Amino acid sequence: MAEKKAIAKSSKTAKKSNKKPGGFKRIWNYLRECKGEIKKITWTNPKTATKNFFIVLVVILVAGLFIYALDRGLYALLGLVMNTSST
């Protein structure tokens, strides 16, 4: 009988320890973990960021010009085919 009471008490304490923390506590823990993760980030210096920005800008411009030239060329080719077929 004493064993059953001891088991019942231990199961009650186990249930209490498995209980999730409240909403504000969970939000606070999440924000604290976010702060810890942000501290682990290796931030680039402004010179490197500016250099990378201009590299990306140049690549976008080159790709845009290539797509524009390809579009104009295919449109002209289509115009030739359409004019040829109508005569």
PDB file of N, CA and C in Angstrom:
ATOM      1  N   MET A   1       0.818  -1.182   0.000  1.00  0.00           N
ATOM      2  CA  MET A   1       0.000   0.000   0.000  1.00  0.00           C
ATOM      3  C   MET A   1       0.868   1.254   0.000  1.00  0.00           C
ATOM      4  N   ALA A   2       1.917   1.221   0.805  1.00  0.00           N
ATOM      5  CA  ALA A   2       2.824   2.358   0.886  1.00  0.00           C
ATOM      6  C   ALA A   2       3.534   2.562  -0.444  1.00  0.00           C
ATOM      7  N   GLU A   3       3.802   1.462  -1.138  1.00  0.00           N
ATOM      8  CA  GLU A   3       4.467   1.552  -2.429  1.00  0.00           C
ATOM      9  C   GLU A   3       3.574   2.258  -3.448  1.00  0.00           C
ATOM     10  N   LYS A   4       2.276   1.980  -3.433  1.00  0.00           N
ATOM     11  CA  LYS A   4       1.339   2.599  -4.361  1.00  0.00           C
ATOM     12  C   LYS A   4       1.265   4.101  -4.123  1.00  0.00           C
ATOM     13  N   LYS A   5       1.284   4.518  -2.847  1.00  0.00           N
ATOM     14  CA  LYS A   5       1.250   5.948  -2.530  1.00  0.00           C
ATOM     15  C   LYS A   5       2.523   6.639  -3.004  1.00  0.00           C
ATOM     16  N   ALA A   6       3.652   5.981  -2.847  1.00  0.00           N
ATOM     17  CA  ALA A   6       4.921   6.557  -3.287  1.00  0.00           C
ATOM     18  C   ALA A   6       4.955   6.683  -4.809  1.00  0.00           C
ATOM     19  N   ILE A   7       4.420   5.674  -5.494  1.00  0.00           N
ATOM     20  CA  ILE A   7       4.377   5.708  -6.956  1.00  0.00           C
ATOM     21  C   ILE A   7       3.423   6.803  -7.421  1.00  0.00           C
ATOM     22  N   ALA A   8       2.294   6.952  -6.742  1.00  0.00           N
ATOM     23  CA  ALA A   8       1.306   7.975  -7.100  1.00  0.00           C
ATOM     24  C   ALA A   8       1.898   9.371  -6.912  1.00  0.00           C
ATOM     25  N   LYS A   9       2.626   9.579  -5.812  1.00  0.00           N
ATOM     26  CA  LYS A   9       3.252  10.878  -5.571  1.00  0.00           C
ATOM     27  C   LYS A   9       4.327  11.178  -6.603  1.00  0.00           C
ATOM     28  N   SER A  10       5.135  10.172  -6.945  1.00  0.00           N
ATOM     29  CA  SER A  10       6.185  10.406  -7.924  1.00  0.00           C
ATOM     30  C   SER A  10       5.611  10.676  -9.310  1.00  0.00           C
ATOM     31  N   SER A  11       4.476  10.032  -9.631  1.00  0.00           N
ATOM     32  CA  SER A  11       3.850  10.276 -10.934  1.00  0.00           C
ATOM     33  C   SER A  11       3.242  11.674 -10.987  1.00  0.00           C
ATOM     34  N   LYS A  12       2.716  12.164  -9.847  1.00  0.00           N
ATOM     35  CA  LYS A  12       2.168  13.515  -9.810  1.00  0.00           C
ATOM     36  C   LYS A  12       3.271  14.553 -10.001  1.00  0.00           C
ATOM     37  N   THR A  13       4.406  14.357  -9.380  1.00  0.00           N
ATOM     38  CA  THR A  13       5.502  15.300  -9.541  1.00  0.00           C
ATOM     39  C   THR A  13       6.063  15.224 -10.956  1.00  0.00           C
ATOM     40  N   ALA A  14       6.036  14.029 -11.543  1.00  0.00           N
ATOM     41  CA  ALA A  14       6.506  13.900 -12.926  1.00  0.00           C
ATOM     42  C   ALA A  14       5.574  14.625 -13.876  1.00  0.00           C
ATOM     43  N   LYS A  15       4.287  14.583 -13.625  1.00  0.00           N
ATOM     44  CA  LYS A  15       3.321  15.292 -14.469  1.00  0.00           C
ATOM     45  C   LYS A  15       3.523  16.791 -14.374  1.00  0.00           C
ATOM     46  N   LYS A  16       3.802  17.285 -13.186  1.00  0.00           N
ATOM     47  CA  LYS A  16       4.022  18.717 -13.008  1.00  0.00           C
ATOM     48  C   LYS A  16       5.292  19.172 -13.726  1.00  0.00           C
ATOM     49  N   SER A  17       6.334  18.361 -13.741  1.00  0.00           N
ATOM     50  CA  SER A  17       7.583  18.762 -14.381  1.00  0.00           C
ATOM     51  C   SER A  17       7.484  18.705 -15.899  1.00  0.00           C
ATOM     52  N   ASN A  18       6.553  17.912 -16.447  1.00  0.00           N
ATOM     53  CA  ASN A  18       6.367  17.828 -17.894  1.00  0.00           C
ATOM     54  C   ASN A  18       5.490  18.953 -18.424  1.00  0.00           C
ATOM     55  N   LYS A  19       4.942  19.763 -17.565  1.00  0.00           N
ATOM     56  CA  LYS A  19       4.057  20.837 -17.969  1.00  0.00           C
ATOM     57  C   LYS A  19       4.828  21.900 -18.746  1.00  0.00           C
ATOM     58  N   LYS A  20       4.244  22.372 -19.864  1.00  0.00           N
ATOM     59  CA  LYS A  20       4.888  23.406 -20.678  1.00  0.00           C
ATOM     60  C   LYS A  20       4.843  24.735 -19.945  1.00  0.00           C
ATOM     61  N   PRO A  21       5.879  25.571 -20.163  1.00  0.00           N
ATOM     62  CA  PRO A  21       5.849  26.895 -19.535  1.00  0.00           C
ATOM     63  C   PRO A  21       4.763  27.761 -20.173  1.00  0.00           C
ATOM     64  N   GLY A  22       4.374  28.827 -19.489  1.00  0.00           N
ATOM     65  CA  GLY A  22       3.324  29.715 -19.969  1.00  0.00           C
ATOM     66  C   GLY A  22       3.734  30.464 -21.230  1.00  0.00           C
ATOM     67  N   GLY A  23       2.786  31.180 -21.808  1.00  0.00           N
ATOM     68  CA  GLY A  23       3.002  31.872 -23.076  1.00  0.00           C
ATOM     69  C   GLY A  23       4.116  32.898 -23.010  1.00  0.00           C
ATOM     70  N   PHE A  24       4.110  33.761 -21.997  1.00  0.00           N
ATOM     71  CA  PHE A  24       5.137  34.789 -21.892  1.00  0.00           C
ATOM     72  C   PHE A  24       6.516  34.182 -21.651  1.00  0.00           C
ATOM     73  N   LYS A  25       6.565  33.126 -20.886  1.00  0.00           N
ATOM     74  CA  LYS A  25       7.839  32.459 -20.606  1.00  0.00           C
ATOM     75  C   LYS A  25       8.396  31.845 -21.886  1.00  0.00           C
ATOM     76  N   ARG A  26       7.514  31.230 -22.702  1.00  0.00           N
ATOM     77  CA  ARG A  26       7.959  30.633 -23.961  1.00  0.00           C
ATOM     78  C   ARG A  26       8.455  31.702 -24.919  1.00  0.00           C
ATOM     79  N   ILE A  27       7.749  32.845 -24.987  1.00  0.00           N
ATOM     80  CA  ILE A  27       8.187  33.948 -25.855  1.00  0.00           C
ATOM     81  C   ILE A  27       9.526  34.479 -25.373  1.00  0.00           C
ATOM     82  N   TRP A  28       9.671  34.644 -24.064  1.00  0.00           N
ATOM     83  CA  TRP A  28      10.924  35.151 -23.502  1.00  0.00           C
ATOM     84  C   TRP A  28      12.083  34.206 -23.833  1.00  0.00           C
ATOM     85  N   ASN A  29      11.855  32.895 -23.693  1.00  0.00           N
ATOM     86  CA  ASN A  29      12.897  31.911 -24.015  1.00  0.00           C
ATOM     87  C   ASN A  29      13.261  31.977 -25.497  1.00  0.00           C
ATOM     88  N   TYR A  30      12.257  32.122 -26.367  1.00  0.00           N
ATOM     89  CA  TYR A  30      12.501  32.214 -27.804  1.00  0.00           C
ATOM     90  C   TYR A  30      13.344  33.441 -28.132  1.00  0.00           C
ATOM     91  N   LEU A  31      12.998  34.586 -27.564  1.00  0.00           N
ATOM     92  CA  LEU A  31      13.748  35.813 -27.832  1.00  0.00           C
ATOM     93  C   LEU A  31      15.170  35.715 -27.289  1.00  0.00           C
ATOM     94  N   ARG A  32      15.332  35.073 -26.158  1.00  0.00           N
ATOM     95  CA  ARG A  32      16.676  34.901 -25.592  1.00  0.00           C
ATOM     96  C   ARG A  32      17.530  34.007 -26.496  1.00  0.00           C
ATOM     97  N   GLU A  33      16.929  32.951 -27.042  1.00  0.00           N
ATOM     98  CA  GLU A  33      17.647  32.077 -27.963  1.00  0.00           C
ATOM     99  C   GLU A  33      17.990  32.808 -29.263  1.00  0.00           C
ATOM    100  N   CYS A  34      17.079  33.646 -29.730  1.00  0.00           N
ATOM    101  CA  CYS A  34      17.349  34.440 -30.936  1.00  0.00           C
ATOM    102  C   CYS A  34      18.548  35.362 -30.714  1.00  0.00           C
ATOM    103  N   LYS A  35      18.590  35.982 -29.561  1.00  0.00           N
ATOM    104  CA  LYS A  35      19.702  36.883 -29.245  1.00  0.00           C
ATOM    105  C   LYS A  35      21.018  36.106 -29.242  1.00  0.00           C
ATOM    106  N   GLY A  36      21.004  34.906 -28.701  1.00  0.00           N
ATOM    107  CA  GLY A  36      22.206  34.080 -28.690  1.00  0.00           C
ATOM    108  C   GLY A  36      22.650  33.682 -30.089  1.00  0.00           C
ATOM    109  N   GLU A  37      21.675  33.379 -30.967  1.00  0.00           N
ATOM    110  CA  GLU A  37      22.009  33.012 -32.346  1.00  0.00           C
ATOM    111  C   GLU A  37      22.548  34.209 -33.117  1.00  0.00           C
ATOM    112  N   ILE A  38      22.009  35.397 -32.863  1.00  0.00           N
ATOM    113  CA  ILE A  38      22.485  36.606 -33.554  1.00  0.00           C
ATOM    114  C   ILE A  38      23.926  36.904 -33.153  1.00  0.00           C
ATOM    115  N   LYS A  39      24.277  36.626 -31.920  1.00  0.00           N
ATOM    116  CA  LYS A  39      25.658  36.854 -31.481  1.00  0.00           C
ATOM    117  C   LYS A  39      26.639  35.922 -32.185  1.00  0.00           C
ATOM    118  N   LYS A  40      26.158  34.764 -32.672  1.00  0.00           N
ATOM    119  CA  LYS A  40      27.035  33.804 -33.337  1.00  0.00           C
ATOM    120  C   LYS A  40      27.320  34.182 -34.793  1.00  0.00           C
ATOM    121  N   ILE A  41      26.551  35.115 -35.349  1.00  0.00           N
ATOM    122  CA  ILE A  41      26.699  35.476 -36.759  1.00  0.00           C
ATOM    123  C   ILE A  41      27.999  36.241 -36.959  1.00  0.00           C
ATOM    124  N   THR A  42      28.705  35.911 -38.038  1.00  0.00           N
ATOM    125  CA  THR A  42      29.895  36.660 -38.420  1.00  0.00           C
ATOM    126  C   THR A  42      29.469  37.712 -39.431  1.00  0.00           C
ATOM    127  N   TRP A  43      29.434  38.966 -39.001  1.00  0.00           N
ATOM    128  CA  TRP A  43      28.979  40.053 -39.855  1.00  0.00           C
ATOM    129  C   TRP A  43      30.126  40.526 -40.739  1.00  0.00           C
ATOM    130  N   THR A  44      29.812  40.855 -42.002  1.00  0.00           N
ATOM    131  CA  THR A  44      30.843  41.371 -42.905  1.00  0.00           C
ATOM    132  C   THR A  44      31.064  42.846 -42.633  1.00  0.00           C
ATOM    133  N   ASN A  45      32.244  43.322 -43.038  1.00  0.00           N
ATOM    134  CA  ASN A  45      32.512  44.747 -42.872  1.00  0.00           C
ATOM    135  C   ASN A  45      31.876  45.516 -44.032  1.00  0.00           C
ATOM    136  N   PRO A  46      31.679  46.813 -43.892  1.00  0.00           N
ATOM    137  CA  PRO A  46      30.998  47.590 -44.935  1.00  0.00           C
ATOM    138  C   PRO A  46      31.709  47.559 -46.293  1.00  0.00           C
ATOM    139  N   LYS A  47      33.022  47.489 -46.295  1.00  0.00           N
ATOM    140  CA  LYS A  47      33.765  47.469 -47.557  1.00  0.00           C
ATOM    141  C   LYS A  47      33.428  46.206 -48.354  1.00  0.00           C
ATOM    142  N   THR A  48      33.400  45.062 -47.702  1.00  0.00           N
ATOM    143  CA  THR A  48      33.076  43.804 -48.375  1.00  0.00           C
ATOM    144  C   THR A  48      31.621  43.797 -48.836  1.00  0.00           C
ATOM    145  N   ALA A  49      30.729  44.320 -48.010  1.00  0.00           N
ATOM    146  CA  ALA A  49      29.311  44.364 -48.384  1.00  0.00           C
ATOM    147  C   ALA A  49      29.097  45.239 -49.609  1.00  0.00           C
ATOM    148  N   THR A  50      29.766  46.369 -49.675  1.00  0.00           N
ATOM    149  CA  THR A  50      29.646  47.261 -50.831  1.00  0.00           C
ATOM    150  C   THR A  50      30.209  46.594 -52.079  1.00  0.00           C
ATOM    151  N   LYS A  51      31.334  45.933 -51.943  1.00  0.00           N
ATOM    152  CA  LYS A  51      31.944  45.237 -53.080  1.00  0.00           C
ATOM    153  C   LYS A  51      31.000  44.153 -53.607  1.00  0.00           C
ATOM    154  N   ASN A  52      30.449  43.369 -52.723  1.00  0.00           N
ATOM    155  CA  ASN A  52      29.520  42.312 -53.130  1.00  0.00           C
ATOM    156  C   ASN A  52      28.250  42.886 -53.756  1.00  0.00           C
ATOM    157  N   PHE A  53      27.780  44.017 -53.249  1.00  0.00           N
ATOM    158  CA  PHE A  53      26.601  44.663 -53.805  1.00  0.00           C
ATOM    159  C   PHE A  53      26.841  45.048 -55.263  1.00  0.00           C
ATOM    160  N   PHE A  54      27.989  45.642 -55.550  1.00  0.00           N
ATOM    161  CA  PHE A  54      28.267  46.063 -56.929  1.00  0.00           C
ATOM    162  C   PHE A  54      28.498  44.862 -57.850  1.00  0.00           C
ATOM    163  N   ILE A  55      29.066  43.803 -57.329  1.00  0.00           N
ATOM    164  CA  ILE A  55      29.232  42.585 -58.140  1.00  0.00           C
ATOM    165  C   ILE A  55      27.862  42.038 -58.523  1.00  0.00           C
ATOM    166  N   VAL A  56      26.950  41.967 -57.566  1.00  0.00           N
ATOM    167  CA  VAL A  56      25.599  41.475 -57.844  1.00  0.00           C
ATOM    168  C   VAL A  56      24.898  42.393 -58.830  1.00  0.00           C
ATOM    169  N   LEU A  57      25.061  43.693 -58.681  1.00  0.00           N
ATOM    170  CA  LEU A  57      24.444  44.652 -59.587  1.00  0.00           C
ATOM    171  C   LEU A  57      24.942  44.466 -61.015  1.00  0.00           C
ATOM    172  N   VAL A  58      26.243  44.278 -61.191  1.00  0.00           N
ATOM    173  CA  VAL A  58      26.824  44.076 -62.521  1.00  0.00           C
ATOM    174  C   VAL A  58      26.311  42.774 -63.131  1.00  0.00           C
ATOM    175  N   VAL A  59      26.250  41.709 -62.353  1.00  0.00           N
ATOM    176  CA  VAL A  59      25.759  40.420 -62.864  1.00  0.00           C
ATOM    177  C   VAL A  59      24.301  40.542 -63.293  1.00  0.00           C
ATOM    178  N   ILE A  60      23.497  41.257 -62.530  1.00  0.00           N
ATOM    179  CA  ILE A  60      22.093  41.451 -62.900  1.00  0.00           C
ATOM    180  C   ILE A  60      21.979  42.235 -64.197  1.00  0.00           C
ATOM    181  N   LEU A  61      22.791  43.292 -64.341  1.00  0.00           N
ATOM    182  CA  LEU A  61      22.750  44.081 -65.571  1.00  0.00           C
ATOM    183  C   LEU A  61      23.189  43.269 -66.784  1.00  0.00           C
ATOM    184  N   VAL A  62      24.234  42.485 -66.652  1.00  0.00           N
ATOM    185  CA  VAL A  62      24.722  41.659 -67.760  1.00  0.00           C
ATOM    186  C   VAL A  62      23.668  40.615 -68.132  1.00  0.00           C
ATOM    187  N   ALA A  63      23.082  39.971 -67.146  1.00  0.00           N
ATOM    188  CA  ALA A  63      22.047  38.971 -67.426  1.00  0.00           C
ATOM    189  C   ALA A  63      20.827  39.625 -68.074  1.00  0.00           C
ATOM    190  N   GLY A  64      20.445  40.815 -67.612  1.00  0.00           N
ATOM    191  CA  GLY A  64      19.323  41.537 -68.201  1.00  0.00           C
ATOM    192  C   GLY A  64      19.588  41.914 -69.646  1.00  0.00           C
ATOM    193  N   LEU A  65      20.797  42.394 -69.935  1.00  0.00           N
ATOM    194  CA  LEU A  65      21.149  42.740 -71.315  1.00  0.00           C
ATOM    195  C   LEU A  65      21.163  41.500 -72.206  1.00  0.00           C
ATOM    196  N   PHE A  66      21.644  40.387 -71.687  1.00  0.00           N
ATOM    197  CA  PHE A  66      21.662  39.143 -72.461  1.00  0.00           C
ATOM    198  C   PHE A  66      20.237  38.694 -72.786  1.00  0.00           C
ATOM    199  N   ILE A  67      19.372  38.723 -71.804  1.00  0.00           N
ATOM    200  CA  ILE A  67      17.985  38.314 -72.029  1.00  0.00           C
ATOM    201  C   ILE A  67      17.299  39.273 -72.991  1.00  0.00           C
ATOM    202  N   TYR A  68      17.569  40.571 -72.869  1.00  0.00           N
ATOM    203  CA  TYR A  68      16.991  41.560 -73.779  1.00  0.00           C
ATOM    204  C   TYR A  68      17.457  41.306 -75.217  1.00  0.00           C
ATOM    205  N   ALA A  69      18.747  41.069 -75.417  1.00  0.00           N
ATOM    206  CA  ALA A  69      19.279  40.806 -76.758  1.00  0.00           C
ATOM    207  C   ALA A  69      18.700  39.507 -77.326  1.00  0.00           C
ATOM    208  N   LEU A  70      18.591  38.481 -76.501  1.00  0.00           N
ATOM    209  CA  LEU A  70      18.010  37.218 -76.946  1.00  0.00           C
ATOM    210  C   LEU A  70      16.541  37.407 -77.339  1.00  0.00           C
ATOM    211  N   ASP A  71      15.804  38.172 -76.575  1.00  0.00           N
ATOM    212  CA  ASP A  71      14.402  38.440 -76.867  1.00  0.00           C
ATOM    213  C   ASP A  71      14.262  39.211 -78.182  1.00  0.00           C
ATOM    214  N   ARG A  72      15.063  40.251 -78.369  1.00  0.00           N
ATOM    215  CA  ARG A  72      15.018  41.032 -79.602  1.00  0.00           C
ATOM    216  C   ARG A  72      15.396  40.167 -80.809  1.00  0.00           C
ATOM    217  N   GLY A  73      16.409  39.324 -80.658  1.00  0.00           N
ATOM    218  CA  GLY A  73      16.842  38.461 -81.756  1.00  0.00           C
ATOM    219  C   GLY A  73      15.769  37.446 -82.130  1.00  0.00           C
ATOM    220  N   LEU A  74      15.175  36.821 -81.149  1.00  0.00           N
ATOM    221  CA  LEU A  74      14.118  35.844 -81.429  1.00  0.00           C
ATOM    222  C   LEU A  74      12.873  36.520 -82.008  1.00  0.00           C
ATOM    223  N   TYR A  75      12.572  37.731 -81.546  1.00  0.00           N
ATOM    224  CA  TYR A  75      11.435  38.462 -82.091  1.00  0.00           C
ATOM    225  C   TYR A  75      11.676  38.821 -83.560  1.00  0.00           C
ATOM    226  N   ALA A  76      12.909  39.236 -83.887  1.00  0.00           N
ATOM    227  CA  ALA A  76      13.242  39.546 -85.284  1.00  0.00           C
ATOM    228  C   ALA A  76      13.183  38.281 -86.136  1.00  0.00           C
ATOM    229  N   LEU A  77      13.672  37.170 -85.606  1.00  0.00           N
ATOM    230  CA  LEU A  77      13.610  35.899 -86.323  1.00  0.00           C
ATOM    231  C   LEU A  77      12.167  35.477 -86.564  1.00  0.00           C
ATOM    232  N   LEU A  78      11.328  35.657 -85.583  1.00  0.00           N
ATOM    233  CA  LEU A  78       9.910  35.338 -85.738  1.00  0.00           C
ATOM    234  C   LEU A  78       9.255  36.240 -86.775  1.00  0.00           C
ATOM    235  N   GLY A  79       9.658  37.506 -86.789  1.00  0.00           N
ATOM    236  CA  GLY A  79       9.131  38.429 -87.808  1.00  0.00           C
ATOM    237  C   GLY A  79       9.516  37.991 -89.198  1.00  0.00           C
ATOM    238  N   LEU A  80      10.746  37.518 -89.376  1.00  0.00           N
ATOM    239  CA  LEU A  80      11.164  37.021 -90.686  1.00  0.00           C
ATOM    240  C   LEU A  80      10.365  35.797 -91.099  1.00  0.00           C
ATOM    241  N   VAL A  81      10.148  34.891 -90.171  1.00  0.00           N
ATOM    242  CA  VAL A  81       9.392  33.679 -90.487  1.00  0.00           C
ATOM    243  C   VAL A  81       7.945  34.022 -90.820  1.00  0.00           C
ATOM    244  N   MET A  82       7.346  34.921 -90.082  1.00  0.00           N
ATOM    245  CA  MET A  82       5.950  35.308 -90.333  1.00  0.00           C
ATOM    246  C   MET A  82       5.795  36.027 -91.666  1.00  0.00           C
ATOM    247  N   ASN A  83       6.749  36.898 -92.027  1.00  0.00           N
ATOM    248  CA  ASN A  83       6.695  37.595 -93.309  1.00  0.00           C
ATOM    249  C   ASN A  83       6.904  36.625 -94.465  1.00  0.00           C
ATOM    250  N   THR A  84       7.764  35.644 -94.287  1.00  0.00           N
ATOM    251  CA  THR A  84       8.047  34.676 -95.338  1.00  0.00           C
ATOM    252  C   THR A  84       6.832  33.800 -95.592  1.00  0.00           C
ATOM    253  N   SER A  85       6.153  33.392 -94.536  1.00  0.00           N
ATOM    254  CA  SER A  85       5.034  32.477 -94.693  1.00  0.00           C
ATOM    255  C   SER A  85       3.801  33.178 -95.268  1.00  0.00           C
ATOM    256  N   SER A  86       3.665  34.475 -95.094  1.00  0.00           N
ATOM    257  CA  SER A  86       2.468  35.176 -95.574  1.00  0.00           C
ATOM    258  C   SER A  86       2.550  35.499 -97.067  1.00  0.00           C
ATOM    259  N   THR A  87       3.717  35.480 -97.687  1.00  0.00           N
ATOM    260  CA  THR A  87       3.841  35.797 -99.115  1.00  0.00           C
ATOM    261  C   THR A  87       3.790  34.592 -99.989  1.00  0.00           C
TER     262      THR A  87
END
